[in-house]
Each structure stands twice: as structure tokens, then as C-alpha cells.
Amino acid sequence: MSPRFDKLGVVIAALAAYAAFLAPFATFRANRIVPGQARS
């Protein structure tokens, strides 16, 4: 149970860090690349 819990914790921590670092950066980049260009 200990190793499995550890692995799960590591995966969750890695995903959280990945999202925390990449999500705002990706949205910021996308927002700058397309400054108010709306296509319908």
C-alpha cells in the first residue's frame, strides 16, 4: 500500500505542477498570438 500511495502522490504532484506551470503560460501565449481576432 505504501509504494502504491507514493506513486499516486508523485503522479498527482507532477500533474498539478505541470498544469500550474503550463496552463497559464499556454493561455497567455494563445491570448498574445490571437489578440482579439474572432472567427465565426
N, C-alpha and C. Protein backbone atom coordinates (compact mmCIF):
# COMPACT_ATOMS: atom_id res chain seq x y z
N MET A 1 0.85 -1.20 0.00
CA MET A 1 0.00 0.00 0.00
C MET A 1 0.89 1.26 0.00
N SER A 2 1.98 1.20 0.71
CA SER A 2 2.85 2.38 0.78
C SER A 2 3.43 2.76 -0.58
N PRO A 3 4.02 1.80 -1.31
CA PRO A 3 4.60 2.18 -2.62
C PRO A 3 3.54 2.69 -3.59
N ARG A 4 2.36 2.05 -3.58
CA ARG A 4 1.30 2.47 -4.49
C ARG A 4 0.85 3.90 -4.15
N PHE A 5 0.69 4.18 -2.88
CA PHE A 5 0.29 5.52 -2.46
C PHE A 5 1.35 6.55 -2.85
N ASP A 6 2.61 6.16 -2.68
CA ASP A 6 3.70 7.06 -3.04
C ASP A 6 3.67 7.38 -4.53
N LYS A 7 3.50 6.33 -5.34
CA LYS A 7 3.47 6.53 -6.79
C LYS A 7 2.30 7.44 -7.16
N LEU A 8 1.15 7.20 -6.55
CA LEU A 8 -0.02 8.02 -6.85
C LEU A 8 0.24 9.48 -6.46
N GLY A 9 0.83 9.67 -5.30
CA GLY A 9 1.14 11.03 -4.84
C GLY A 9 2.09 11.74 -5.80
N VAL A 10 3.09 11.00 -6.28
CA VAL A 10 4.06 11.59 -7.20
C VAL A 10 3.38 11.98 -8.51
N VAL A 11 2.52 11.11 -9.01
CA VAL A 11 1.82 11.40 -10.26
C VAL A 11 0.93 12.63 -10.10
N ILE A 12 0.19 12.68 -9.00
CA ILE A 12 -0.71 13.82 -8.76
C ILE A 12 0.09 15.11 -8.64
N ALA A 13 1.20 15.05 -7.89
CA ALA A 13 2.04 16.24 -7.71
C ALA A 13 2.62 16.69 -9.04
N ALA A 14 3.05 15.73 -9.86
CA ALA A 14 3.64 16.08 -11.16
C ALA A 14 2.58 16.73 -12.06
N LEU A 15 1.39 16.14 -12.07
CA LEU A 15 0.31 16.70 -12.90
C LEU A 15 -0.07 18.10 -12.42
N ALA A 16 -0.14 18.28 -11.11
CA ALA A 16 -0.51 19.59 -10.56
C ALA A 16 0.54 20.63 -10.93
N ALA A 17 1.81 20.28 -10.78
CA ALA A 17 2.88 21.22 -11.11
C ALA A 17 2.87 21.52 -12.61
N TYR A 18 2.68 20.47 -13.42
CA TYR A 18 2.65 20.63 -14.88
C TYR A 18 1.53 21.59 -15.28
N ALA A 19 0.35 21.38 -14.72
CA ALA A 19 -0.80 22.24 -15.05
C ALA A 19 -0.57 23.66 -14.54
N ALA A 20 -0.04 23.78 -13.31
CA ALA A 20 0.16 25.10 -12.72
C ALA A 20 1.16 25.91 -13.52
N PHE A 21 2.18 25.24 -14.07
CA PHE A 21 3.21 25.96 -14.82
C PHE A 21 2.80 26.18 -16.28
N LEU A 22 2.13 25.20 -16.88
CA LEU A 22 1.86 25.27 -18.32
C LEU A 22 0.52 25.92 -18.64
N ALA A 23 -0.50 25.68 -17.85
CA ALA A 23 -1.83 26.19 -18.18
C ALA A 23 -1.83 27.72 -18.34
N PRO A 24 -1.35 28.48 -17.36
CA PRO A 24 -1.37 29.95 -17.51
C PRO A 24 -0.46 30.40 -18.66
N PHE A 25 0.68 29.73 -18.83
CA PHE A 25 1.62 30.10 -19.89
C PHE A 25 1.00 29.87 -21.26
N ALA A 26 0.34 28.73 -21.43
CA ALA A 26 -0.27 28.40 -22.72
C ALA A 26 -1.40 29.38 -23.04
N THR A 27 -2.25 29.67 -22.06
CA THR A 27 -3.36 30.60 -22.30
C THR A 27 -2.82 32.00 -22.58
N PHE A 28 -1.77 32.39 -21.88
CA PHE A 28 -1.17 33.71 -22.09
C PHE A 28 -0.58 33.81 -23.49
N ARG A 29 0.12 32.75 -23.91
CA ARG A 29 0.70 32.73 -25.26
C ARG A 29 -0.41 32.79 -26.31
N ALA A 30 -1.45 31.98 -26.14
CA ALA A 30 -2.54 31.94 -27.11
C ALA A 30 -3.22 33.31 -27.17
N ASN A 31 -3.37 33.95 -26.02
CA ASN A 31 -4.02 35.25 -25.97
C ASN A 31 -3.19 36.29 -26.72
N ARG A 32 -1.85 36.18 -26.62
CA ARG A 32 -0.99 37.15 -27.29
C ARG A 32 -0.91 36.86 -28.79
N ILE A 33 -0.94 35.58 -29.14
CA ILE A 33 -0.84 35.21 -30.56
C ILE A 33 -2.10 35.67 -31.30
N VAL A 34 -3.25 35.55 -30.66
CA VAL A 34 -4.51 35.93 -31.30
C VAL A 34 -5.14 37.08 -30.50
N PRO A 35 -4.69 38.31 -30.75
CA PRO A 35 -5.19 39.45 -29.97
C PRO A 35 -6.54 39.96 -30.49
N GLY A 36 -7.62 39.36 -30.02
CA GLY A 36 -8.95 39.84 -30.36
C GLY A 36 -9.39 39.52 -31.77
N GLN A 37 -8.88 38.45 -32.36
CA GLN A 37 -9.34 38.06 -33.70
C GLN A 37 -10.41 36.99 -33.55
N ALA A 38 -11.66 37.36 -33.80
CA ALA A 38 -12.77 36.41 -33.63
C ALA A 38 -13.20 35.88 -34.99
N ARG A 39 -13.28 34.58 -35.11
CA ARG A 39 -13.75 33.95 -36.35
C ARG A 39 -15.04 33.19 -36.07
N SER A 40 -16.04 33.38 -36.92
CA SER A 40 -17.31 32.68 -36.70
C SER A 40 -17.67 31.83 -37.91
